[in-house]
């Protein structure tokens, strides 16, 4: 019985492997419409030195009392400034496109999840107060 189970599993694996190889060969011969689509520009993670330089520049720009830390008021001022830069059409809201253009270049699904996290009233746009308020951790569905 043990040998029969092993034989069945081996054959199943071999059949799946040959099927996927044939499918791969067919897809390589004919380009699929998915491969012709433009892939999103996903940036690689910055190095430690780049992150440190960015943090230092941020502190120099927003640390008004020069204590080496960002207080709540300074963080709020930073968020207000980022919101005003991101709100390209100056309507007081961030659309999904504006939100996507102002941050890291994640894949589209991740951007949508992050957008939903900020859009607390689920109206499809992020108001200034939604952007500025402290984010509470919540499960994204």
Protein backbone atom coordinates (compact mmCIF):
# COMPACT_ATOMS: atom_id res chain seq x y z
CA UNK A 1 0.00 0.00 0.00
CA UNK A 2 2.89 2.33 0.86
CA UNK A 3 4.49 1.72 -2.53
CA UNK A 4 1.21 2.34 -4.33
CA UNK A 5 0.79 5.71 -2.56
CA UNK A 6 4.35 6.67 -3.44
CA UNK A 7 3.78 5.66 -7.05
CA UNK A 8 0.55 7.68 -7.32
CA UNK A 9 2.20 10.75 -5.79
CA UNK A 10 5.20 10.43 -8.11
CA UNK A 11 3.01 10.13 -11.18
CA UNK A 12 0.88 13.10 -10.08
CA UNK A 13 4.00 15.20 -9.60
CA UNK A 14 5.44 14.14 -12.99
CA UNK A 15 2.14 14.87 -14.75
CA UNK A 16 1.90 18.29 -13.12
CA UNK A 17 5.50 19.06 -14.00
CA UNK A 18 5.08 18.06 -17.63
CA UNK A 19 1.80 19.98 -17.88
CA UNK A 20 3.33 23.14 -16.44
CA UNK A 21 6.32 22.76 -18.77
CA UNK A 22 4.02 22.47 -21.78
CA UNK A 23 2.02 25.46 -20.60
CA UNK A 24 5.22 27.43 -20.17
CA UNK A 25 6.39 26.48 -23.66
CA UNK A 26 3.08 27.59 -25.17
CA UNK A 27 3.10 30.86 -23.29
CA UNK A 28 6.70 31.51 -24.36
CA UNK A 29 5.78 30.91 -27.99
CA UNK A 30 2.82 33.32 -27.92
CA UNK A 31 3.10 36.46 -25.81
CA UNK A 32 0.15 36.78 -23.48
CA UNK A 33 -1.67 40.08 -23.18
CA UNK A 34 -0.61 40.24 -19.54
CA UNK A 35 3.09 40.28 -20.44
CA UNK A 36 2.50 43.14 -22.87
CA UNK A 37 1.05 45.34 -20.15
CA UNK A 38 3.29 47.93 -18.59
CA UNK A 39 4.60 46.81 -15.23
CA UNK A 40 4.39 49.30 -12.37
CA UNK A 41 7.55 51.18 -11.49
CA UNK A 42 8.45 49.55 -8.19
CA UNK A 43 11.47 51.13 -6.60
CA UNK A 44 14.03 49.04 -4.81
CA UNK A 45 14.46 49.62 -1.10
CA UNK A 46 16.87 52.47 -0.32
CA UNK A 47 20.13 51.65 1.41
CA UNK A 48 20.70 52.36 5.08
CA UNK A 49 22.83 55.39 4.25
CA UNK A 50 20.10 56.78 1.98
CA UNK A 51 17.48 56.30 4.70
CA UNK A 52 19.70 58.04 7.26
CA UNK A 53 20.30 60.96 4.89
CA UNK A 54 16.58 61.27 4.22
CA UNK A 55 15.80 61.24 7.96
CA UNK A 56 18.45 63.89 8.59
CA UNK A 57 17.07 66.09 5.83
CA UNK A 58 13.55 65.66 7.21
CA UNK A 59 14.71 66.64 10.70
CA UNK A 60 16.50 69.72 9.35
CA UNK A 61 13.36 70.77 7.49
CA UNK A 62 10.64 70.11 10.09
CA UNK A 63 12.42 70.21 13.48
CA UNK A 64 11.65 73.87 14.22
CA UNK A 65 12.94 73.84 17.82
CA UNK A 66 16.13 71.99 16.77
CA UNK A 67 15.97 69.43 19.58
CA UNK A 68 16.74 66.49 17.27
CA UNK A 69 13.18 65.10 17.47
CA UNK A 70 9.87 65.76 15.83
CA UNK A 71 7.20 66.75 18.33
CA UNK A 72 3.49 66.14 17.65
CA UNK A 73 3.07 69.68 16.37
CA UNK A 74 6.07 69.32 14.08
CA UNK A 75 4.78 65.99 12.74
CA UNK A 76 1.38 67.56 12.12
CA UNK A 77 3.03 70.45 10.24
CA UNK A 78 4.97 67.91 8.17
CA UNK A 79 1.78 66.02 7.29
CA UNK A 80 -0.02 69.25 6.37
CA UNK A 81 2.88 70.16 4.08
CA UNK A 82 2.95 66.70 2.47
CA UNK A 83 -0.82 66.84 1.96
CA UNK A 84 -0.62 70.23 0.27
CA UNK A 85 2.12 68.97 -2.05
CA UNK A 86 0.18 65.78 -2.85
CA UNK A 87 -3.11 67.61 -3.51
CA UNK A 88 -2.16 68.60 -7.05
CA UNK A 89 -5.57 69.93 -8.10
CA UNK A 90 -6.02 71.76 -4.75
CA UNK A 91 -9.54 70.45 -4.13
CA UNK A 92 -8.82 69.59 -0.48
CA UNK A 93 -8.77 65.84 -1.10
CA UNK A 94 -6.27 63.25 -2.25
CA UNK A 95 -7.56 61.06 -5.04
CA UNK A 96 -6.11 57.55 -5.39
CA UNK A 97 -3.89 58.83 -8.24
CA UNK A 98 -2.59 61.77 -6.19
CA UNK A 99 -1.97 59.51 -3.20
CA UNK A 100 -0.13 56.98 -5.34
CA UNK A 101 2.11 59.66 -6.86
CA UNK A 102 3.21 61.13 -3.53
CA UNK A 103 4.63 58.06 -1.83
CA UNK A 104 6.57 54.91 -2.31
CA UNK A 105 5.99 53.01 -5.50
CA UNK A 106 4.40 49.83 -4.19
CA UNK A 107 2.51 47.41 -6.32
CA UNK A 108 -1.06 48.53 -7.14
CA UNK A 109 -2.74 46.14 -4.67
CA UNK A 110 -0.61 47.39 -1.80
CA UNK A 111 -1.28 51.02 -2.77
CA UNK A 112 -5.01 50.33 -2.73
CA UNK A 113 -4.79 48.79 0.76
CA UNK A 114 -2.79 51.73 2.10
CA UNK A 115 -5.27 54.16 0.52
CA UNK A 116 -8.17 52.34 2.19
CA UNK A 117 -6.40 52.59 5.54
CA UNK A 118 -6.26 56.38 5.24
CA UNK A 119 -9.77 56.74 3.76
CA UNK A 120 -11.59 56.31 7.07
CA UNK A 121 -15.06 57.37 5.84
CA UNK A 122 -14.76 55.20 2.68
CA UNK A 123 -15.75 57.95 0.23
CA UNK A 124 -12.98 57.15 -2.26
CA UNK A 125 -10.84 60.18 -1.41
CA UNK A 126 -8.70 61.23 1.52
CA UNK A 127 -9.59 64.48 3.25
CA UNK A 128 -6.96 66.56 4.99
CA UNK A 129 -8.14 65.55 8.47
CA UNK A 130 -8.09 61.85 7.49
CA UNK A 131 -4.50 62.22 6.30
CA UNK A 132 -3.30 64.16 9.34
CA UNK A 133 -4.96 62.17 12.11
CA UNK A 134 -2.86 59.52 13.75
CA UNK A 135 -3.35 56.19 12.05
CA UNK A 136 -4.73 53.44 14.21
CA UNK A 137 -3.71 49.95 13.28
CA UNK A 138 -6.57 48.11 11.72
CA UNK A 139 -6.93 44.93 9.81
CA UNK A 140 -7.18 45.48 6.06
CA UNK A 141 -9.61 43.17 4.30
